[in-house]
Structures are given as structure tokens and as C-alpha cells.
Amino acid sequence: MVMATRMIWVSLIVLAVFLVGGVLLQIFLSKRESKWPGLVLPAISFLWSLLYLFNMMDTGSMVQNILTALLTMLLANIPTLVLLAIYWAVREKRRKRSELDKMNIDDL
């Protein structure tokens, strides 16, 4: 029992490290001058979510298959949406800072 509890804690800590590392990497890539590096992780996340569709099982009902596919895409793309939100927030902050710098240069 103690061993299982320790294993769960270790797993949670490793998962938290990967999540924080992924968010920090996304922020770092989004701050780059070019916009393309910041879109790499959301693209990988989206492509990974497509694998869930390929692994879906046919239920026999067309309506149920479509609803399952839509729900799968919605749930599988939550990380993609989070990464895109980080990207847009960082890029917007960068855009405002750039406009402010241009305005300060014009004032000189």
C-alpha cells in the first residue's frame, strides 16, 4: 500500500514537471521574434489529437460515430487550445510592447 502511494506521488510529480516544462517551453517559443516557433507545440498537440480519431471504434450507428468523433476532438484538443491561448497572450503582449517602442522612438 505504501509502495503504491509513493508511486502515485512520483507519477504526479513527474506529470507536473512535464506540464510546467511544456508551458515554459511554449512561453519561450512564443517570445521569439518569428511567429512560427510558437506554433510548433500546438501543431504537435493537434496532430497527436488526430491519433485519437484513428483509434476510434465503429459503433454501428452513424450518429453515434459522429458524436463520438466530435467529443473526442473536443476533449483531445484541450491542450492545443491551452497552448494557443498562451501563444496569443504572449504575442499580444509582444505586439503592444513593440507599438509602445515605436511610439517612444517617434516621440524622440
N, C-alpha and C. Protein backbone atom coordinates (compact mmCIF):
# COMPACT_ATOMS: atom_id res chain seq x y z
N MET A 1 0.82 -1.20 0.00
CA MET A 1 0.00 0.00 0.00
C MET A 1 0.86 1.26 0.00
N VAL A 2 1.91 1.25 0.83
CA VAL A 2 2.80 2.41 0.89
C VAL A 2 3.53 2.57 -0.43
N MET A 3 3.91 1.46 -1.03
CA MET A 3 4.62 1.50 -2.31
C MET A 3 3.74 2.10 -3.40
N ALA A 4 2.47 1.74 -3.42
CA ALA A 4 1.54 2.27 -4.42
C ALA A 4 1.34 3.77 -4.22
N THR A 5 1.25 4.21 -2.99
CA THR A 5 1.08 5.63 -2.70
C THR A 5 2.31 6.41 -3.15
N ARG A 6 3.48 5.89 -2.88
CA ARG A 6 4.71 6.57 -3.32
C ARG A 6 4.77 6.64 -4.84
N MET A 7 4.37 5.56 -5.49
CA MET A 7 4.40 5.53 -6.95
C MET A 7 3.43 6.56 -7.54
N ILE A 8 2.28 6.73 -6.93
CA ILE A 8 1.32 7.73 -7.39
C ILE A 8 1.90 9.13 -7.22
N TRP A 9 2.53 9.40 -6.07
CA TRP A 9 3.13 10.71 -5.84
C TRP A 9 4.26 10.98 -6.83
N VAL A 10 5.08 10.00 -7.08
CA VAL A 10 6.17 10.17 -8.06
C VAL A 10 5.59 10.44 -9.44
N SER A 11 4.56 9.72 -9.81
CA SER A 11 3.92 9.91 -11.11
C SER A 11 3.33 11.32 -11.23
N LEU A 12 2.68 11.78 -10.17
CA LEU A 12 2.10 13.12 -10.19
C LEU A 12 3.17 14.20 -10.28
N ILE A 13 4.27 14.00 -9.59
CA ILE A 13 5.36 14.98 -9.64
C ILE A 13 5.98 15.02 -11.04
N VAL A 14 6.19 13.85 -11.63
CA VAL A 14 6.75 13.80 -12.99
C VAL A 14 5.79 14.45 -13.98
N LEU A 15 4.49 14.19 -13.84
CA LEU A 15 3.50 14.80 -14.71
C LEU A 15 3.49 16.32 -14.54
N ALA A 16 3.57 16.79 -13.31
CA ALA A 16 3.60 18.23 -13.06
C ALA A 16 4.85 18.88 -13.66
N VAL A 17 5.98 18.20 -13.57
CA VAL A 17 7.22 18.73 -14.15
C VAL A 17 7.08 18.84 -15.67
N PHE A 18 6.51 17.83 -16.30
CA PHE A 18 6.32 17.88 -17.75
C PHE A 18 5.34 18.97 -18.15
N LEU A 19 4.26 19.14 -17.39
CA LEU A 19 3.29 20.18 -17.71
C LEU A 19 3.89 21.57 -17.56
N VAL A 20 4.58 21.81 -16.46
CA VAL A 20 5.21 23.12 -16.25
C VAL A 20 6.30 23.35 -17.29
N GLY A 21 7.08 22.32 -17.59
CA GLY A 21 8.11 22.44 -18.62
C GLY A 21 7.52 22.75 -19.98
N GLY A 22 6.40 22.12 -20.31
CA GLY A 22 5.74 22.38 -21.58
C GLY A 22 5.22 23.80 -21.68
N VAL A 23 4.63 24.29 -20.58
CA VAL A 23 4.13 25.67 -20.57
C VAL A 23 5.28 26.66 -20.68
N LEU A 24 6.36 26.42 -19.94
CA LEU A 24 7.51 27.31 -20.03
C LEU A 24 8.16 27.28 -21.41
N LEU A 25 8.22 26.10 -22.02
CA LEU A 25 8.75 26.00 -23.38
C LEU A 25 7.86 26.75 -24.36
N GLN A 26 6.54 26.65 -24.19
CA GLN A 26 5.62 27.37 -25.07
C GLN A 26 5.79 28.88 -24.91
N ILE A 27 5.95 29.35 -23.69
CA ILE A 27 6.17 30.78 -23.47
C ILE A 27 7.48 31.22 -24.12
N PHE A 28 8.54 30.42 -23.94
CA PHE A 28 9.84 30.75 -24.54
C PHE A 28 9.73 30.81 -26.06
N LEU A 29 9.09 29.81 -26.66
CA LEU A 29 8.98 29.78 -28.12
C LEU A 29 8.08 30.90 -28.64
N SER A 30 7.07 31.27 -27.88
CA SER A 30 6.17 32.34 -28.31
C SER A 30 6.82 33.70 -28.25
N LYS A 31 7.82 33.87 -27.39
CA LYS A 31 8.51 35.15 -27.27
C LYS A 31 9.53 35.38 -28.38
N ARG A 32 9.79 34.38 -29.18
CA ARG A 32 10.76 34.53 -30.26
C ARG A 32 10.26 35.57 -31.25
N GLU A 33 11.18 36.16 -32.00
CA GLU A 33 10.80 37.20 -32.96
C GLU A 33 9.90 36.65 -34.07
N SER A 34 10.25 35.48 -34.57
CA SER A 34 9.43 34.84 -35.58
C SER A 34 8.21 34.21 -34.92
N LYS A 35 7.09 34.22 -35.61
CA LYS A 35 5.88 33.67 -35.01
C LYS A 35 5.81 32.15 -35.13
N TRP A 36 6.59 31.55 -35.99
CA TRP A 36 6.47 30.11 -36.26
C TRP A 36 6.93 29.20 -35.13
N PRO A 37 8.00 29.51 -34.41
CA PRO A 37 8.38 28.59 -33.33
C PRO A 37 7.29 28.42 -32.26
N GLY A 38 6.51 29.46 -32.02
CA GLY A 38 5.45 29.38 -31.02
C GLY A 38 4.29 28.52 -31.45
N LEU A 39 4.21 28.20 -32.73
CA LEU A 39 3.11 27.36 -33.23
C LEU A 39 3.49 25.88 -33.32
N VAL A 40 4.73 25.55 -32.99
CA VAL A 40 5.20 24.17 -33.11
C VAL A 40 4.48 23.25 -32.12
N LEU A 41 4.47 23.62 -30.85
CA LEU A 41 3.83 22.76 -29.85
C LEU A 41 2.32 22.62 -30.06
N PRO A 42 1.58 23.70 -30.39
CA PRO A 42 0.16 23.49 -30.69
C PRO A 42 -0.07 22.59 -31.91
N ALA A 43 0.81 22.67 -32.90
CA ALA A 43 0.68 21.81 -34.08
C ALA A 43 0.92 20.35 -33.71
N ILE A 44 1.93 20.10 -32.89
CA ILE A 44 2.21 18.74 -32.45
C ILE A 44 1.05 18.21 -31.63
N SER A 45 0.50 19.06 -30.77
CA SER A 45 -0.63 18.66 -29.94
C SER A 45 -1.86 18.33 -30.80
N PHE A 46 -2.09 19.13 -31.84
CA PHE A 46 -3.22 18.87 -32.73
C PHE A 46 -3.03 17.57 -33.50
N LEU A 47 -1.83 17.35 -34.01
CA LEU A 47 -1.56 16.11 -34.74
C LEU A 47 -1.71 14.90 -33.82
N TRP A 48 -1.29 15.05 -32.57
CA TRP A 48 -1.44 13.97 -31.60
C TRP A 48 -2.93 13.68 -31.35
N SER A 49 -3.75 14.73 -31.35
CA SER A 49 -5.18 14.53 -31.11
C SER A 49 -5.85 13.80 -32.28
N LEU A 50 -5.27 13.92 -33.47
CA LEU A 50 -5.82 13.20 -34.62
C LEU A 50 -5.65 11.69 -34.46
N LEU A 51 -4.63 11.28 -33.72
CA LEU A 51 -4.44 9.85 -33.47
C LEU A 51 -5.61 9.25 -32.71
N TYR A 52 -6.24 10.04 -31.86
CA TYR A 52 -7.41 9.55 -31.13
C TYR A 52 -8.54 9.20 -32.09
N LEU A 53 -8.69 9.99 -33.16
CA LEU A 53 -9.73 9.70 -34.14
C LEU A 53 -9.46 8.40 -34.88
N PHE A 54 -8.20 8.17 -35.19
CA PHE A 54 -7.85 6.94 -35.91
C PHE A 54 -8.04 5.70 -35.04
N ASN A 55 -8.04 5.88 -33.73
CA ASN A 55 -8.20 4.75 -32.82
C ASN A 55 -9.64 4.54 -32.38
N MET A 56 -10.56 5.29 -32.95
CA MET A 56 -11.98 5.13 -32.57
C MET A 56 -12.53 3.83 -33.13
N MET A 57 -13.45 3.26 -32.37
CA MET A 57 -14.08 2.01 -32.79
C MET A 57 -15.44 2.32 -33.41
N ASP A 58 -15.80 1.60 -34.44
CA ASP A 58 -17.09 1.77 -35.08
C ASP A 58 -18.18 1.21 -34.17
N THR A 59 -19.19 2.04 -33.90
CA THR A 59 -20.27 1.60 -33.02
C THR A 59 -21.47 1.08 -33.80
N GLY A 60 -21.47 1.25 -35.10
CA GLY A 60 -22.57 0.77 -35.91
C GLY A 60 -23.56 1.86 -36.26
N SER A 61 -23.72 2.84 -35.42
CA SER A 61 -24.63 3.94 -35.65
C SER A 61 -23.85 5.15 -36.16
N MET A 62 -24.31 5.71 -37.27
CA MET A 62 -23.62 6.85 -37.88
C MET A 62 -23.67 8.07 -36.96
N VAL A 63 -24.82 8.32 -36.36
CA VAL A 63 -24.97 9.47 -35.48
C VAL A 63 -24.06 9.32 -34.26
N GLN A 64 -24.03 8.13 -33.69
CA GLN A 64 -23.18 7.90 -32.52
C GLN A 64 -21.70 8.02 -32.89
N ASN A 65 -21.32 7.56 -34.07
CA ASN A 65 -19.94 7.70 -34.52
C ASN A 65 -19.55 9.18 -34.65
N ILE A 66 -20.44 9.98 -35.23
CA ILE A 66 -20.15 11.40 -35.41
C ILE A 66 -20.05 12.12 -34.07
N LEU A 67 -20.99 11.83 -33.17
CA LEU A 67 -20.95 12.46 -31.85
C LEU A 67 -19.71 12.05 -31.06
N THR A 68 -19.34 10.78 -31.19
CA THR A 68 -18.13 10.31 -30.51
C THR A 68 -16.90 11.00 -31.08
N ALA A 69 -16.85 11.15 -32.41
CA ALA A 69 -15.72 11.82 -33.05
C ALA A 69 -15.64 13.28 -32.62
N LEU A 70 -16.78 13.96 -32.56
CA LEU A 70 -16.78 15.36 -32.15
C LEU A 70 -16.34 15.52 -30.69
N LEU A 71 -16.86 14.66 -29.83
CA LEU A 71 -16.47 14.73 -28.43
C LEU A 71 -14.99 14.39 -28.24
N THR A 72 -14.52 13.42 -29.01
CA THR A 72 -13.11 13.06 -28.94
C THR A 72 -12.23 14.22 -29.38
N MET A 73 -12.59 14.87 -30.47
CA MET A 73 -11.80 16.00 -30.94
C MET A 73 -11.84 17.16 -29.96
N LEU A 74 -13.00 17.40 -29.36
CA LEU A 74 -13.12 18.47 -28.39
C LEU A 74 -12.24 18.21 -27.17
N LEU A 75 -12.30 17.03 -26.63
CA LEU A 75 -11.53 16.71 -25.43
C LEU A 75 -10.04 16.56 -25.73
N ALA A 76 -9.70 16.01 -26.88
CA ALA A 76 -8.29 15.79 -27.22
C ALA A 76 -7.58 17.09 -27.56
N ASN A 77 -8.34 18.13 -27.92
CA ASN A 77 -7.72 19.40 -28.30
C ASN A 77 -7.69 20.42 -27.18
N ILE A 78 -8.02 20.03 -25.97
CA ILE A 78 -7.91 20.95 -24.84
C ILE A 78 -6.47 21.42 -24.67
N PRO A 79 -5.46 20.52 -24.71
CA PRO A 79 -4.08 21.01 -24.61
C PRO A 79 -3.70 21.94 -25.77
N THR A 80 -4.22 21.67 -26.95
CA THR A 80 -3.95 22.53 -28.10
C THR A 80 -4.50 23.93 -27.85
N LEU A 81 -5.71 24.01 -27.33
CA LEU A 81 -6.33 25.30 -27.06
C LEU A 81 -5.58 26.05 -25.96
N VAL A 82 -5.10 25.34 -24.95
CA VAL A 82 -4.32 25.98 -23.88
C VAL A 82 -3.02 26.53 -24.44
N LEU A 83 -2.33 25.75 -25.27
CA LEU A 83 -1.08 26.21 -25.87
C LEU A 83 -1.31 27.40 -26.80
N LEU A 84 -2.41 27.39 -27.55
CA LEU A 84 -2.72 28.52 -28.41
C LEU A 84 -3.07 29.76 -27.60
N ALA A 85 -3.75 29.58 -26.47
CA ALA A 85 -4.07 30.72 -25.61
C ALA A 85 -2.80 31.35 -25.06
N ILE A 86 -1.85 30.52 -24.66
CA ILE A 86 -0.56 31.03 -24.20
C ILE A 86 0.14 31.78 -25.32
N TYR A 87 0.12 31.20 -26.51
CA TYR A 87 0.77 31.82 -27.68
C TYR A 87 0.16 33.20 -27.96
N TRP A 88 -1.18 33.27 -28.01
CA TRP A 88 -1.83 34.54 -28.32
C TRP A 88 -1.59 35.58 -27.23
N ALA A 89 -1.58 35.16 -25.97
CA ALA A 89 -1.36 36.11 -24.88
C ALA A 89 0.06 36.68 -24.96
N VAL A 90 1.03 35.82 -25.19
CA VAL A 90 2.43 36.29 -25.27
C VAL A 90 2.64 37.16 -26.50
N ARG A 91 2.07 36.77 -27.62
CA ARG A 91 2.24 37.55 -28.85
C ARG A 91 1.54 38.91 -28.74
N GLU A 92 0.40 38.95 -28.07
CA GLU A 92 -0.31 40.22 -27.89
C GLU A 92 0.51 41.16 -27.02
N LYS A 93 1.10 40.61 -25.96
CA LYS A 93 1.96 41.41 -25.09
C LYS A 93 3.16 41.93 -25.87
N ARG A 94 3.72 41.08 -26.73
CA ARG A 94 4.87 41.47 -27.55
C ARG A 94 4.46 42.56 -28.55
N ARG A 95 3.26 42.43 -29.12
CA ARG A 95 2.79 43.42 -30.09
C ARG A 95 2.59 44.78 -29.43
N LYS A 96 2.01 44.78 -28.24
CA LYS A 96 1.79 46.05 -27.53
C LYS A 96 3.12 46.71 -27.17
N ARG A 97 4.07 45.89 -26.72
CA ARG A 97 5.38 46.42 -26.37
C ARG A 97 6.06 47.01 -27.61
N SER A 98 5.91 46.35 -28.75
CA SER A 98 6.51 46.84 -30.00
C SER A 98 5.89 48.17 -30.42
N GLU A 99 4.57 48.28 -30.29
CA GLU A 99 3.91 49.54 -30.64
C GLU A 99 4.34 50.66 -29.70
N LEU A 100 4.49 50.33 -28.42
CA LEU A 100 4.93 51.33 -27.45
C LEU A 100 6.36 51.79 -27.76
N ASP A 101 7.21 50.85 -28.14
CA ASP A 101 8.59 51.20 -28.52
C ASP A 101 8.60 52.12 -29.76
N LYS A 102 7.75 51.80 -30.73
CA LYS A 102 7.68 52.64 -31.94
C LYS A 102 7.19 54.05 -31.58
N MET A 103 6.23 54.12 -30.67
CA MET A 103 5.70 55.42 -30.27
C MET A 103 6.77 56.22 -29.52
N ASN A 104 7.54 55.55 -28.68
CA ASN A 104 8.62 56.24 -27.95
C ASN A 104 9.70 56.72 -28.91
N ILE A 105 10.00 55.95 -29.94
CA ILE A 105 11.01 56.36 -30.92
C ILE A 105 10.50 57.57 -31.69
N ASP A 106 9.20 57.60 -32.05
CA ASP A 106 8.63 58.74 -32.76
C ASP A 106 8.65 60.00 -31.90
N ASP A 107 8.49 59.84 -30.57
CA ASP A 107 8.49 60.99 -29.67
C ASP A 107 9.88 61.64 -29.58
N LEU A 108 10.92 60.83 -29.78
CA LEU A 108 12.26 61.38 -29.72
C LEU A 108 12.50 62.22 -30.94
